[in-house]
Protein backbone atom coordinates (compact mmCIF):
# COMPACT_ATOMS: atom_id res chain seq x y z
CA MET A 1 111.24 139.07 142.75
CA ALA A 2 110.32 142.66 143.69
CA ASN A 3 113.21 143.83 141.51
CA VAL A 4 111.84 141.91 138.56
CA ILE A 5 108.30 143.21 139.09
CA ASN A 6 109.59 146.80 139.32
CA HIS A 7 111.22 146.36 135.88
CA PRO A 8 108.53 145.20 133.42
CA SER A 9 111.05 144.59 130.62
CA ARG A 10 112.93 142.08 132.78
CA PHE A 11 109.67 140.41 133.71
CA LEU A 12 108.69 140.11 130.03
CA HIS A 13 112.14 138.77 129.17
CA LEU A 14 111.92 136.14 131.92
CA ALA A 15 108.41 135.16 130.84
CA THR A 16 109.54 134.75 127.23
CA ILE A 17 112.48 132.53 128.22
CA SER A 18 110.19 130.45 130.45
CA LEU A 19 107.72 129.98 127.58
CA ILE A 20 110.47 128.87 125.19
CA ILE A 21 111.80 126.37 127.74
CA LEU A 22 108.27 125.04 128.29
CA ILE A 23 107.77 124.52 124.54
CA ILE A 24 111.15 122.79 124.18
CA PHE A 25 110.20 120.29 126.86
CA LEU A 26 106.62 119.81 125.64
CA ILE A 27 107.48 118.88 122.06
CA PRO A 28 109.36 115.62 122.76
CA LEU A 29 106.78 114.73 125.40
CA ILE A 30 103.93 115.15 122.94
CA ALA A 31 105.84 113.29 120.21
CA PHE A 32 106.43 110.49 122.68
CA LEU A 33 102.76 110.31 123.63
CA ASN A 34 101.88 110.09 119.94
CA ASN A 35 104.47 107.35 119.40
CA ASN A 36 106.33 109.49 116.92
CA ASN A 37 109.72 110.23 118.41
CA SER A 38 111.13 111.24 115.03
CA LEU A 39 108.98 114.35 114.86
CA ILE A 40 111.18 117.45 114.99
CA PHE A 41 109.64 120.88 114.62
CA THR A 42 111.06 124.24 113.76
CA ILE A 43 108.91 126.64 115.73
CA ILE A 44 108.05 130.20 115.03
CA THR A 45 106.37 131.38 118.19
CA LYS A 46 103.20 133.43 118.17
CA PRO A 47 102.02 136.08 120.64
CA TYR A 48 99.35 133.68 121.74
CA PHE A 49 98.39 130.04 121.40
CA SER A 50 94.96 128.91 120.31
CA TYR A 51 94.13 125.53 121.73
CA TYR A 52 91.64 123.29 120.03
CA LEU A 53 89.66 120.42 121.40
CA THR A 54 91.55 117.22 120.88
CA SER A 55 90.57 115.55 117.64
CA PHE A 56 90.95 112.08 116.29
CA ASN A 57 92.28 111.24 112.88
CA ASN A 58 90.13 111.92 109.85
CA GLN A 59 87.65 109.34 108.66
CA SER A 60 90.11 107.59 106.41
CA HIS A 61 92.45 107.01 109.37
CA GLN A 62 89.90 106.53 112.14
CA SER A 63 89.18 103.23 110.52
CA HIS A 64 92.84 102.21 110.75
CA TYR A 65 93.45 103.29 114.33
CA PRO A 66 90.14 104.09 116.06
CA TRP A 67 91.77 103.74 119.45
CA ARG A 68 94.67 106.11 118.88
CA PHE A 69 94.47 109.46 120.69
CA SER A 70 96.12 112.22 118.70
CA TRP A 71 98.20 114.14 121.26
CA ARG A 72 100.43 115.56 118.55
CA ASN A 73 97.49 116.83 116.50
CA THR A 74 96.12 118.91 119.37
CA PHE A 75 99.43 120.66 119.86
CA ILE A 76 100.24 121.18 116.19
CA ASN A 77 97.21 123.45 115.93
CA SER A 78 98.90 125.97 118.21
CA LEU A 79 102.13 126.20 116.24
CA GLU A 80 103.03 128.21 113.18
CA PHE A 81 105.47 126.78 110.67
CA GLU A 82 107.38 127.94 107.63
CA GLY A 83 105.77 130.42 105.33
CA ASN A 84 103.51 131.76 108.11
CA VAL A 85 101.05 128.98 107.44
CA ASN A 86 99.23 127.62 110.45
CA TYR A 87 99.04 123.89 109.83
CA PRO A 88 96.22 121.98 111.46
CA SER A 89 96.58 118.52 112.89
CA SER A 90 98.13 116.12 110.42
CA SER A 91 95.00 114.02 110.24
CA SER A 92 92.25 116.27 111.52
CA SER A 93 89.04 116.23 109.51
CA ASN A 94 87.92 119.52 111.04
CA TYR A 95 90.41 121.67 109.17
CA SER A 96 89.52 125.26 108.36
CA ASN A 97 89.01 126.24 104.74
CA ASP A 98 91.60 129.01 105.11
CA VAL A 99 94.30 126.63 106.31
CA SER A 100 96.03 124.64 103.58
CA ARG A 101 97.04 121.04 104.06
CA ALA A 102 97.66 120.47 100.39
CA ILE A 103 100.41 117.98 99.56
CA SER A 104 103.49 119.53 98.00
CA PRO A 105 106.82 117.80 97.40
CA ASP A 106 110.00 119.39 98.67
CA PHE A 107 111.47 119.26 95.19
CA THR A 108 114.97 120.27 96.26
CA LYS A 109 115.14 117.42 98.76
CA CYS A 110 114.69 114.53 96.32
CA GLY A 111 116.53 111.43 97.53
CA PRO A 112 116.92 107.71 96.89
CA VAL A 113 113.64 105.91 96.33
CA ASP A 114 112.37 102.80 98.07
CA LEU A 115 112.88 99.79 95.82
CA PRO A 116 111.66 96.21 96.06
CA PRO A 117 114.25 93.47 96.65
CA ASN A 118 116.59 92.59 93.78
CA ALA A 119 115.75 95.77 91.88
CA ILE A 120 117.32 96.01 88.43
CA THR A 121 118.10 99.76 88.54
CA SER A 122 119.69 102.16 90.99
CA PRO A 123 117.49 103.96 93.54
CA TYR A 124 118.35 107.41 92.16
CA CYS A 125 115.46 108.84 90.18
CA CYS A 126 115.90 112.54 90.92
CA PRO A 127 115.90 115.06 88.06
CA THR A 128 118.72 117.47 87.35
CA LEU A 129 118.23 120.75 89.21
CA ALA A 130 119.26 124.11 87.84
CA THR A 131 121.27 126.46 90.06
CA PRO A 132 119.78 128.61 91.41
CA PHE A 133 116.57 126.62 91.84
CA LYS A 134 113.70 128.29 90.02
CA PHE A 135 110.36 127.36 88.50
CA ILE A 136 107.36 128.91 86.82
CA ASP A 137 103.71 128.36 87.75
CA PHE A 138 101.46 126.57 85.33
CA LYS A 139 99.29 129.63 84.67
CA ASP A 140 102.41 131.48 83.56
CA TYR A 141 103.49 128.46 81.54
CA LEU A 142 100.28 128.64 79.53
CA ILE A 143 100.69 132.29 78.62
CA ASN A 144 104.47 132.57 78.52
CA ALA A 145 105.79 133.26 75.05
CA THR A 146 108.68 130.86 75.68
CA TYR A 147 106.13 128.09 76.19
CA ASN A 148 104.25 128.47 72.93
CA LYS A 149 106.72 127.92 70.17
CA TYR A 150 103.83 127.78 67.74
CA LYS A 151 101.99 131.00 68.55
CA ASN A 152 99.80 130.88 65.49
CA ASN A 153 98.59 127.41 66.49
CA SER A 154 97.90 128.13 70.14
CA SER A 155 94.19 127.33 69.76
CA ILE A 156 94.79 123.81 68.44
CA ILE A 157 92.94 121.12 70.35
CA ARG A 158 94.85 117.86 70.28
CA VAL A 159 92.67 114.78 69.80
CA ARG A 160 93.73 111.56 71.48
CA ARG A 161 92.56 108.64 69.38
CA PRO A 162 92.09 104.92 70.17
CA ALA A 163 95.39 103.14 69.67
CA HIS A 164 93.88 100.56 67.33
CA LEU A 165 92.42 103.22 64.99
CA VAL A 166 95.52 105.33 64.22
CA ASP A 167 97.10 105.25 60.75
CA ASP A 168 100.65 104.62 59.55
CA GLU A 169 101.46 108.35 59.44
CA PHE A 170 100.61 108.70 63.12
CA ILE A 171 102.60 105.59 64.06
CA ALA A 172 105.64 107.00 62.25
CA LYS A 173 105.37 110.25 64.21
CA LEU A 174 105.05 108.42 67.52
CA GLU A 175 108.06 106.22 66.71
CA LYS A 176 110.09 109.26 65.67
CA GLY A 177 109.23 111.19 68.83
CA ILE A 178 110.16 108.31 71.16
CA ALA A 179 113.37 107.69 69.20
CA ILE A 180 114.40 111.34 69.55
CA MET A 181 113.63 111.27 73.28
CA LYS A 182 115.82 108.19 73.69
CA SER A 183 118.68 109.91 71.83
CA LEU A 184 118.73 113.08 73.96
CA PRO A 185 121.66 113.54 76.41
CA ASN A 186 121.28 111.54 79.59
CA ASP A 187 121.01 114.66 81.75
CA ASP A 188 118.33 116.28 79.57
CA PRO A 189 115.03 116.20 81.54
CA ARG A 190 113.25 115.39 78.28
CA ASN A 191 115.34 112.25 77.74
CA PHE A 192 113.14 109.13 77.71
CA ILE A 193 114.76 107.55 80.78
CA GLN A 194 114.69 110.88 82.62
CA GLN A 195 110.97 111.06 81.90
CA ALA A 196 110.55 107.53 83.25
CA LYS A 197 112.39 108.54 86.42
CA VAL A 198 109.74 111.19 87.09
CA HIS A 199 107.28 108.39 87.72
CA CYS A 200 109.82 106.51 89.81
CA ALA A 201 110.45 109.51 92.10
CA TYR A 202 106.80 110.38 92.71
CA CYS A 203 105.63 106.79 93.08
CA ASN A 204 108.38 105.27 95.21
CA GLY A 205 109.02 107.91 97.86
CA GLY A 206 111.67 110.08 96.21
CA TYR A 207 110.20 113.29 97.63
CA PRO A 208 109.49 114.16 101.26
CA GLN A 209 106.51 116.20 102.28
CA LYS A 210 107.09 119.81 103.24
CA HIS A 211 108.46 120.74 106.65
CA PRO A 212 107.53 119.82 109.37
CA PHE A 213 106.40 116.49 107.91
CA GLN A 214 109.59 115.65 106.05
CA ASP A 215 109.58 112.22 107.68
CA GLN A 216 106.59 111.36 105.48
CA LYS A 217 107.45 110.34 101.90
CA ILE A 218 105.08 111.26 99.09
CA ASP A 219 103.45 108.52 97.04
CA VAL A 220 100.81 109.47 94.47
CA HIS A 221 99.26 106.00 94.40
CA ARG A 222 96.34 104.74 96.50
CA SER A 223 94.90 108.21 97.06
CA TRP A 224 93.06 111.11 95.45
CA LEU A 225 96.35 112.18 93.81
CA PHE A 226 96.47 109.18 91.47
CA PHE A 227 94.40 110.63 88.62
CA PRO A 228 95.62 114.27 88.62
CA PHE A 229 99.31 113.36 88.92
CA HIS A 230 99.18 110.97 85.96
CA ARG A 231 97.12 113.43 83.91
CA PHE A 232 99.84 116.05 84.27
CA TYR A 233 102.59 113.50 83.77
CA ILE A 234 101.40 112.30 80.35
CA TYR A 235 100.36 115.87 79.44
CA PHE A 236 103.96 117.11 79.64
CA PHE A 237 105.25 113.92 78.02
CA GLU A 238 102.87 114.56 75.12
CA ARG A 239 103.95 118.21 74.84
CA ILE A 240 107.61 117.17 74.70
CA LEU A 241 106.91 114.65 71.94
CA GLY A 242 104.99 117.22 69.89
CA THR A 243 107.84 119.71 70.13
CA LEU A 244 110.54 117.17 69.25
CA ILE A 245 108.73 116.16 66.04
CA GLY A 246 107.63 119.71 65.23
CA ASP A 247 103.89 118.97 65.37
CA PRO A 248 101.89 121.02 67.90
CA SER A 249 98.75 119.00 67.11
CA PHE A 250 100.35 115.70 68.08
CA ALA A 251 98.42 113.72 70.73
CA LEU A 252 99.17 110.41 72.40
CA PRO A 253 96.98 107.44 71.51
CA TYR A 254 94.91 105.79 74.20
CA TRP A 255 94.99 102.02 74.49
CA ASN A 256 91.29 101.40 75.10
CA TRP A 257 91.45 97.94 76.58
CA ASP A 258 87.88 98.54 77.80
CA SER A 259 86.53 98.06 74.27
CA ILE A 260 86.32 94.80 72.35
CA GLN A 261 88.58 95.98 69.51
CA GLY A 262 91.20 97.31 71.91
CA MET A 263 91.68 94.28 74.18
CA GLN A 264 95.11 93.38 72.84
CA ILE A 265 98.45 95.19 72.70
CA PRO A 266 98.49 97.49 69.66
CA SER A 267 100.66 95.64 67.15
CA TYR A 268 103.03 98.57 66.43
CA PHE A 269 104.28 98.35 70.04
CA THR A 270 105.58 94.84 69.32
CA THR A 271 107.73 95.42 66.20
CA PRO A 272 111.33 94.59 67.26
CA ASN A 273 113.04 97.37 65.27
CA SER A 274 110.63 100.08 66.45
CA SER A 275 111.40 102.59 69.21
CA LEU A 276 108.04 101.50 70.69
CA TYR A 277 109.22 97.94 71.19
CA HIS A 278 110.24 96.92 74.69
CA LYS A 279 111.96 93.69 75.58
CA LEU A 280 110.78 93.40 79.19
CA ARG A 281 107.19 92.32 78.56
CA HIS A 282 105.29 89.10 79.13
CA TYR A 283 106.18 87.02 76.08
CA LYS A 284 102.86 85.12 76.15
CA HIS A 285 100.72 88.25 76.00
CA MET A 286 101.59 89.45 72.53
CA PRO A 287 98.81 89.98 69.96
CA PRO A 288 96.31 88.47 69.34
CA HIS A 289 96.23 87.43 73.03
CA LEU A 290 93.44 89.32 74.83
CA VAL A 291 94.13 91.21 78.03
CA ASP A 292 92.59 89.91 81.28
CA LEU A 293 91.46 93.00 83.21
CA ASN A 294 91.37 90.96 86.43
CA TYR A 295 94.66 89.22 85.74
CA ASP A 296 96.10 86.84 88.33
CA ILE A 297 99.82 86.47 87.76
CA LEU A 298 100.01 83.16 89.67
CA SER A 299 96.93 81.49 88.20
CA PRO A 300 96.14 82.91 84.76
CA LYS A 301 92.67 81.98 83.55
CA ILE A 302 92.32 79.89 80.42
CA ARG A 303 89.32 81.24 78.54
CA THR A 304 88.01 81.51 75.03
CA GLN A 305 88.08 84.94 73.42
CA ASP A 306 84.31 85.32 73.84
CA GLN A 307 84.55 84.41 77.52
CA GLN A 308 87.38 86.86 78.14
CA ILE A 309 85.51 89.66 76.40
CA SER A 310 82.39 88.96 78.48
CA TYR A 311 84.36 88.88 81.73
CA ASN A 312 86.26 92.08 80.86
CA LEU A 313 83.09 94.03 80.09
CA ALA A 314 81.38 92.89 83.29
CA PHE A 315 84.48 93.84 85.24
CA MET A 316 84.59 97.31 83.67
CA TYR A 317 80.95 97.89 84.60
CA LYS A 318 81.73 97.17 88.24
CA GLN A 319 84.86 99.36 88.31
CA MET A 320 83.22 102.32 86.56
CA VAL A 321 79.46 102.30 87.09
CA LEU A 322 79.25 100.84 90.61
CA ALA A 323 82.08 103.10 91.85
CA ASN A 324 79.67 106.03 92.07
CA THR A 325 81.23 108.15 94.83
CA LYS A 326 84.46 110.12 94.73
CA GLU A 327 86.01 107.90 97.42
CA LEU A 328 85.15 104.73 95.52
CA PHE A 329 86.48 105.89 92.16
CA MET A 330 89.21 108.42 92.94
CA GLY A 331 90.60 107.11 96.22
CA SER A 332 90.82 108.51 99.73
CA PRO A 333 91.91 112.02 100.78
CA TYR A 334 95.66 112.48 101.28
CA ARG A 335 96.70 115.67 103.04
CA LEU A 336 99.84 117.22 104.43
CA GLY A 337 101.09 115.16 107.36
CA ASP A 338 99.10 112.05 106.42
CA PRO A 339 100.82 108.71 105.84
CA ALA A 340 100.88 107.75 102.16
CA GLN A 341 98.47 105.37 100.45
CA PRO A 342 95.30 105.98 102.51
CA GLY A 343 93.06 104.14 100.07
CA PRO A 344 92.91 103.46 96.30
CA GLY A 345 90.06 103.98 93.89
CA SER A 346 88.46 101.24 91.82
CA VAL A 347 90.16 101.75 88.45
CA GLU A 348 93.56 102.29 90.04
CA LEU A 349 93.38 98.82 91.58
CA ALA A 350 92.08 97.22 88.41
CA PRO A 351 92.36 97.40 85.47
CA HIS A 352 95.27 99.83 86.08
CA ASN A 353 97.32 97.60 88.39
CA THR A 354 96.27 94.33 86.79
CA ILE A 355 97.34 95.49 83.31
CA HIS A 356 100.69 96.58 84.73
CA ASP A 357 101.04 93.03 86.04
CA TRP A 358 99.78 91.50 82.79
CA LEU A 359 102.44 93.33 80.79
CA GLY A 360 105.43 92.85 83.10
CA ALA A 361 108.07 90.28 82.18
CA VAL A 362 107.98 86.88 83.87
CA ASP A 363 111.77 86.49 84.14
CA THR A 364 112.59 89.65 86.14
CA PRO A 365 112.58 89.81 89.97
CA ASN A 366 109.53 92.10 90.30
CA HIS A 367 108.01 91.69 86.83
CA GLU A 368 109.90 94.70 85.56
CA ASP A 369 109.31 96.86 83.72
CA MET A 370 105.54 97.42 83.71
CA GLY A 371 104.94 95.10 86.66
CA THR A 372 106.39 97.50 89.24
CA PHE A 373 106.15 101.28 89.50
CA TYR A 374 109.83 102.23 89.70
CA THR A 375 110.47 100.97 86.14
CA ALA A 376 106.97 101.01 84.60
CA ALA A 377 107.41 104.21 82.58
CA ARG A 378 110.48 102.76 80.81
CA ASP A 379 108.06 100.87 78.57
CA PRO A 380 106.61 103.13 75.84
CA ILE A 381 103.23 101.45 76.15
CA PHE A 382 102.93 102.94 79.66
CA TYR A 383 101.82 106.25 78.16
CA ALA A 384 99.10 104.74 75.98
CA HIS A 385 97.93 102.73 79.00
CA HIS A 386 97.73 105.82 81.20
CA SER A 387 96.12 107.85 78.47
CA ASN A 388 93.20 105.42 78.69
CA VAL A 389 93.19 105.62 82.49
CA ASP A 390 92.96 109.39 82.14
CA ARG A 391 90.12 108.99 79.64
CA LEU A 392 88.20 106.84 82.13
CA TRP A 393 88.45 109.65 84.71
CA GLU A 394 87.00 112.01 82.13
CA LEU A 395 84.20 109.54 81.35
CA TRP A 396 83.42 108.84 85.00
CA THR A 397 82.75 112.52 85.77
CA LYS A 398 79.99 112.50 83.13
CA LEU A 399 78.22 109.25 84.07
CA GLU A 400 74.65 109.47 85.37
CA GLY A 401 74.37 113.14 84.54
CA GLY A 402 77.64 114.08 86.24
CA ARG A 403 79.42 112.74 89.31
CA ARG A 404 81.07 114.70 92.10
CA ASP A 405 84.79 114.65 92.57
CA TYR A 406 86.89 116.46 95.19
CA ARG A 407 86.81 119.91 93.62
CA ASP A 408 85.07 121.28 96.72
CA ASP A 409 88.17 120.45 98.80
CA PRO A 410 90.94 123.09 98.62
CA ASN A 411 93.52 120.61 99.88
CA TRP A 412 92.98 118.49 96.78
CA LEU A 413 92.79 121.46 94.46
CA ASP A 414 96.01 123.01 95.77
CA SER A 415 98.13 119.84 95.88
CA LYS A 416 101.24 120.46 93.78
CA PHE A 417 103.70 118.67 91.51
CA PHE A 418 106.73 119.75 89.46
CA PHE A 419 107.41 118.77 85.84
CA TYR A 420 109.85 119.84 83.16
CA ASP A 421 108.21 121.16 80.00
CA GLU A 422 109.25 120.87 76.36
CA ASN A 423 111.55 123.89 76.68
CA LEU A 424 113.38 122.69 79.81
CA ASN A 425 111.42 124.98 82.14
CA LEU A 426 110.53 123.53 85.54
CA VAL A 427 106.79 124.04 85.98
CA ARG A 428 104.85 123.91 89.25
CA VAL A 429 101.30 122.69 88.76
CA LYS A 430 98.26 122.38 91.00
CA VAL A 431 95.48 119.82 90.77
CA ARG A 432 93.02 122.63 90.09
CA ASP A 433 94.90 123.33 86.82
CA CYS A 434 94.03 119.97 85.24
CA LEU A 435 90.29 119.52 85.79
CA ASP A 436 89.28 120.51 82.24
CA THR A 437 91.13 118.71 79.45
CA LYS A 438 89.99 121.28 76.88
CA LEU A 439 91.80 123.99 78.83
CA LEU A 440 94.85 121.73 78.68
CA GLY A 441 94.38 121.60 74.92
CA TYR A 442 93.26 118.01 74.36
CA VAL A 443 90.14 115.86 74.12
CA TYR A 444 89.41 112.17 73.58
CA GLU A 445 87.84 110.80 70.44
CA GLU A 446 84.58 109.22 71.52
CA VAL A 447 83.95 105.51 70.97
CA ASP A 448 81.25 103.10 72.07
CA LEU A 449 81.22 101.96 75.71
CA PRO A 450 80.23 98.29 75.53
CA TRP A 451 80.46 97.90 79.32
CA LEU A 452 78.12 100.72 80.24
CA ASN A 453 74.90 98.70 80.59
CA VAL A 454 76.21 95.20 81.32
CA ASN A 455 75.00 94.98 84.97
CA PRO A 456 76.03 91.39 85.88
CA LYS A 457 73.32 89.15 87.30
CA PRO A 458 73.57 86.54 90.11
CA ARG A 459 74.88 83.09 89.30
CA ARG A 460 72.41 81.31 91.60
CA THR A 461 68.72 81.67 92.35
CA LYS A 462 67.51 83.57 95.39
CA MET A 463 66.46 80.31 97.04
CA GLN A 464 69.92 78.80 96.56
CA ARG A 465 71.63 81.89 97.94
CA GLU A 466 69.35 82.09 100.98
CA ALA A 467 69.84 78.41 101.82
CA LYS A 468 73.62 78.72 101.68
CA LYS A 469 73.58 81.98 103.59
CA SER A 470 71.39 80.56 106.35
CA SER A 471 73.78 77.67 106.91
CA ILE A 472 76.74 80.09 107.13
CA LEU A 473 74.93 82.41 109.55
CA ALA A 474 74.07 79.43 111.74
CA SER A 475 77.56 77.94 111.82
CA LYS A 476 80.05 80.77 111.54
CA PRO A 477 81.56 82.17 114.75
CA ILE A 478 82.15 85.90 115.15
CA THR A 479 85.33 86.87 113.33
CA LYS A 480 88.11 88.23 115.51
CA PHE A 481 89.98 91.15 114.01
CA PRO A 482 92.71 91.60 113.00
CA PHE A 483 93.53 88.38 111.15
CA VAL A 484 96.13 87.36 108.58
CA LEU A 485 94.61 86.60 105.20
CA ASP A 486 96.37 83.37 104.35
CA SER A 487 93.40 81.35 103.12
CA LYS A 488 89.85 81.78 101.89
CA VAL A 489 87.58 83.10 104.63
CA SER A 490 83.94 84.17 104.96
CA ILE A 491 82.93 86.92 107.39
CA ILE A 492 79.46 87.88 108.56
CA VAL A 493 79.04 91.65 108.31
CA LYS A 494 76.09 93.43 109.91
CA ARG A 495 74.35 96.10 107.87
CA PRO A 496 73.69 99.31 109.83
CA LYS A 497 70.53 99.96 107.81
CA LYS A 498 68.34 97.99 105.43
CA LEU A 499 65.38 98.68 103.13
CA ARG A 500 66.53 102.15 102.22
CA SER A 501 64.20 104.30 100.15
CA LYS A 502 64.90 105.22 96.53
CA GLU A 503 65.76 108.77 97.62
CA GLU A 504 68.22 107.49 100.24
CA LYS A 505 69.95 105.28 97.69
CA GLU A 506 70.18 108.18 95.26
CA GLN A 507 71.86 110.32 97.91
CA GLU A 508 74.18 107.77 99.54
CA GLU A 509 75.98 104.64 98.44
CA GLU A 510 76.21 101.64 100.74
CA VAL A 511 79.93 100.85 100.86
CA LEU A 512 81.79 97.78 102.06
CA VAL A 513 85.00 99.01 103.74
CA ILE A 514 87.88 96.59 104.29
CA GLU A 515 90.76 97.86 106.42
CA VAL A 516 94.01 96.47 105.00
CA THR A 517 96.84 96.57 107.52
CA GLU A 518 100.41 95.28 107.65
CA LEU A 519 100.51 95.07 103.87
CA GLN A 520 103.88 93.81 102.65
CA SER A 521 104.62 96.63 100.22
CA TYR A 522 107.47 94.86 98.44
CA GLU A 523 105.29 91.87 97.48
CA ASN A 524 102.67 91.27 94.84
CA VAL A 525 99.34 91.02 96.68
CA LYS A 526 95.87 90.29 95.30
CA PHE A 527 92.66 89.18 96.93
CA ASP A 528 89.15 88.96 95.50
CA VAL A 529 85.94 89.87 97.31
CA HIS A 530 82.56 88.14 97.02
CA ILE A 531 79.19 88.80 98.67
CA ASP A 532 76.66 86.09 99.54
CA ASP A 533 78.53 83.63 97.32
CA ASP A 534 79.08 79.89 97.56
CA GLU A 535 82.48 79.51 99.23
CA ASP A 536 82.92 76.09 97.62
CA MET A 537 82.10 77.26 94.09
CA LEU A 538 82.85 80.97 93.79
CA SER A 539 81.47 83.17 91.03
CA ASP A 540 83.54 84.80 88.30
CA GLU A 541 83.68 88.48 87.33
CA ASN A 542 80.59 88.21 85.11
CA HIS A 543 78.29 87.49 88.06
CA ALA A 544 76.92 89.83 90.72
CA GLU A 545 78.39 87.89 93.65
CA PHE A 546 81.93 88.87 92.63
CA VAL A 547 82.24 92.52 93.72
CA GLY A 548 85.90 93.51 93.39
CA THR A 549 89.59 92.86 93.76
CA PHE A 550 92.42 94.42 95.74
CA VAL A 551 95.74 94.51 93.87
CA SER A 552 99.09 95.79 95.13
CA LEU A 553 102.21 95.80 92.97
CA PRO A 554 105.75 95.52 94.43
CA HIS A 555 106.27 98.97 95.89
CA GLY A 556 109.55 99.08 97.75
CA ASN A 557 109.76 100.20 101.39
CA HIS A 558 112.37 97.51 102.12
CA GLY A 559 110.08 95.30 104.13
CA HIS A 560 108.08 98.06 105.80
CA LYS A 561 104.38 97.39 106.11
CA SER A 562 101.68 99.87 105.15
CA ASN A 563 98.04 100.43 105.98
CA THR A 564 95.30 101.27 103.53
CA ARG A 565 91.66 100.49 102.89
CA PHE A 566 89.66 98.85 100.12
CA MET A 567 86.14 100.10 99.38
CA VAL A 568 83.39 98.61 97.22
CA GLY A 569 79.97 100.06 96.45
CA ILE A 570 77.28 97.44 97.09
CA SER A 571 73.88 99.15 96.76
CA LYS A 572 73.29 97.83 93.24
CA VAL A 573 74.86 94.48 94.16
CA LEU A 574 72.39 93.92 97.01
CA GLU A 575 69.55 94.91 94.73
CA ASN A 576 70.66 92.37 92.12
CA LEU A 577 71.09 89.71 94.81
CA GLU A 578 67.65 90.52 96.25
CA ALA A 579 69.32 90.99 99.63
CA GLU A 580 68.21 94.52 100.49
CA GLU A 581 66.05 93.22 103.34
CA ASP A 582 68.84 91.19 104.93
CA ASP A 583 70.34 92.18 108.28
CA HIS A 584 73.72 90.72 107.36
CA ILE A 585 75.83 89.97 104.32
CA VAL A 586 78.44 87.25 104.01
CA VAL A 587 81.74 88.61 102.68
CA THR A 588 84.20 86.06 101.30
CA LEU A 589 87.85 87.08 100.88
CA VAL A 590 89.96 84.95 98.55
CA PRO A 591 93.75 85.51 98.60
CA MET A 592 95.02 85.01 95.06
CA ILE A 593 98.60 86.34 95.31
CA GLY A 594 100.67 86.93 98.44
CA LYS A 595 98.88 84.65 100.88
CA GLY A 596 99.79 85.73 104.40
CA ASP A 597 101.26 89.06 103.22
CA VAL A 598 98.28 91.14 104.33
CA THR A 599 96.28 91.53 107.53
CA ILE A 600 92.60 92.47 107.62
CA GLY A 601 92.07 94.99 110.41
CA ARG A 602 88.31 95.37 110.19
CA ILE A 603 85.35 95.05 107.82
CA ASN A 604 82.25 97.18 108.09
CA ILE A 605 79.63 99.02 106.05
CA GLN A 606 79.50 102.80 105.71
CA PHE A 607 77.28 105.18 103.76
CA MET A 608 78.99 107.70 101.50
CA SER A 609 77.45 110.71 99.79
CA LYS A 610 77.21 110.57 96.01
């Protein structure tokens, strides 16, 4: 020992070796304590370690596992990983603004996707990669001379029009563009099927997260990535079409199923000899059949056209107007290291998911093509459908004088995707690049919004509701969580605060939060949610008591179960039901599809900033 002390270099060498050995033994121990034995880190040691107070998971995951102590998260804060980026805990809400936890796919590590049972295609959705691997950033894409083939027309703003208002000349261009895409070589990234595979890879776990979280697969659904990913996806699809037909002003149509005139499939998508025709669609839903925005694939509603229109408009009001916080409309935060699908937004669940279901064929295993994500983009109508979804995001940001999204969160802004452009360049994009459609070169033609002021009223009188509610409160036992949702059930939920002032309601939304656990991802699942309703005679979408629906399409994962959460804004609902003074609400869950395929972990009420 004296010899070591007398030679400082030996002492330092011994200390370094001891530290490395300590780290090697600590990592599996910490992974074990966090019940994540698959976690393997590549460590770049630092001259010092900064230890943080142990934190729990962020708010979106506290609700899933409030009892789980995050041993791994504490230790991750002291390690430095690739690229000299110091990653915080995988689910810590107390991240520093100068530490990025933005999601980014490891594009070179694309692998087989997770498919539902009896899938009709192979699990390989990866694009062709050039050797050596290279890409350009979106900002360079916009100014690169190789991008703008039509330099003199660079200031053109493309106008996306309602699908039912376009003329024959436009339809011919759209048909021509899709036909050319379908005729391109199979390995051309602009080929129609190759474009469809882009959606398959990003939506069914084709890409892992960046090291050290490569055990987590990326899924752009049920999170704050849903809107920006699909905006970029159809943006590049549109640019490719415009280039193939030689028209830089070409813009995709939007199928505005939220308007009365647009509630049926545009007829030119159903002409058998057209490149827009697709065989794998529901044969009973051809024009003039009206779309059901709250479609139930097992028990389709039989309604008159006037009834369906009324129900659709009331449903749109709830999904757009009542979803007045970023969490409610856009979905939950999804950061590096987080499990996928933390929580969907209102429009993603429905009408987005329900229309996918409504269009999917009835004689395929998973209602392919539109009825499941791995094949959905093989149907040309997918792009008109998602153009309208993108339009609704644009509309939502302007409601009530402007609503707040996540643009104050750098982890959202810096989340990245890769797409091939019209000239076969691989382009890396960030969410922050797509927040202004005019800067992307397109706008939406404005039309009336017949759902904007619908505001559904209660089906029963206040006296009837109070009588029924009193009997439930007197007879219902306390619900024990978790429970399997295999039949209709009513749960008494305590409100943390009642009689809020006008100012409080303007600042925060009262939100019903339903923790959905052990969701069978390969099954179709749908359950409806009602508040203070009559369990024996439930209200439809055009009444205030019906507040929302949770919809999950077959998603792969080979039997694995996932956890997510379903959120519904209820401030306006309670006002309409004259229940703002009540200490409790009665929440009724009605399984419509997939009875027994989902577990309810907890139900509570939270307040979220507007």
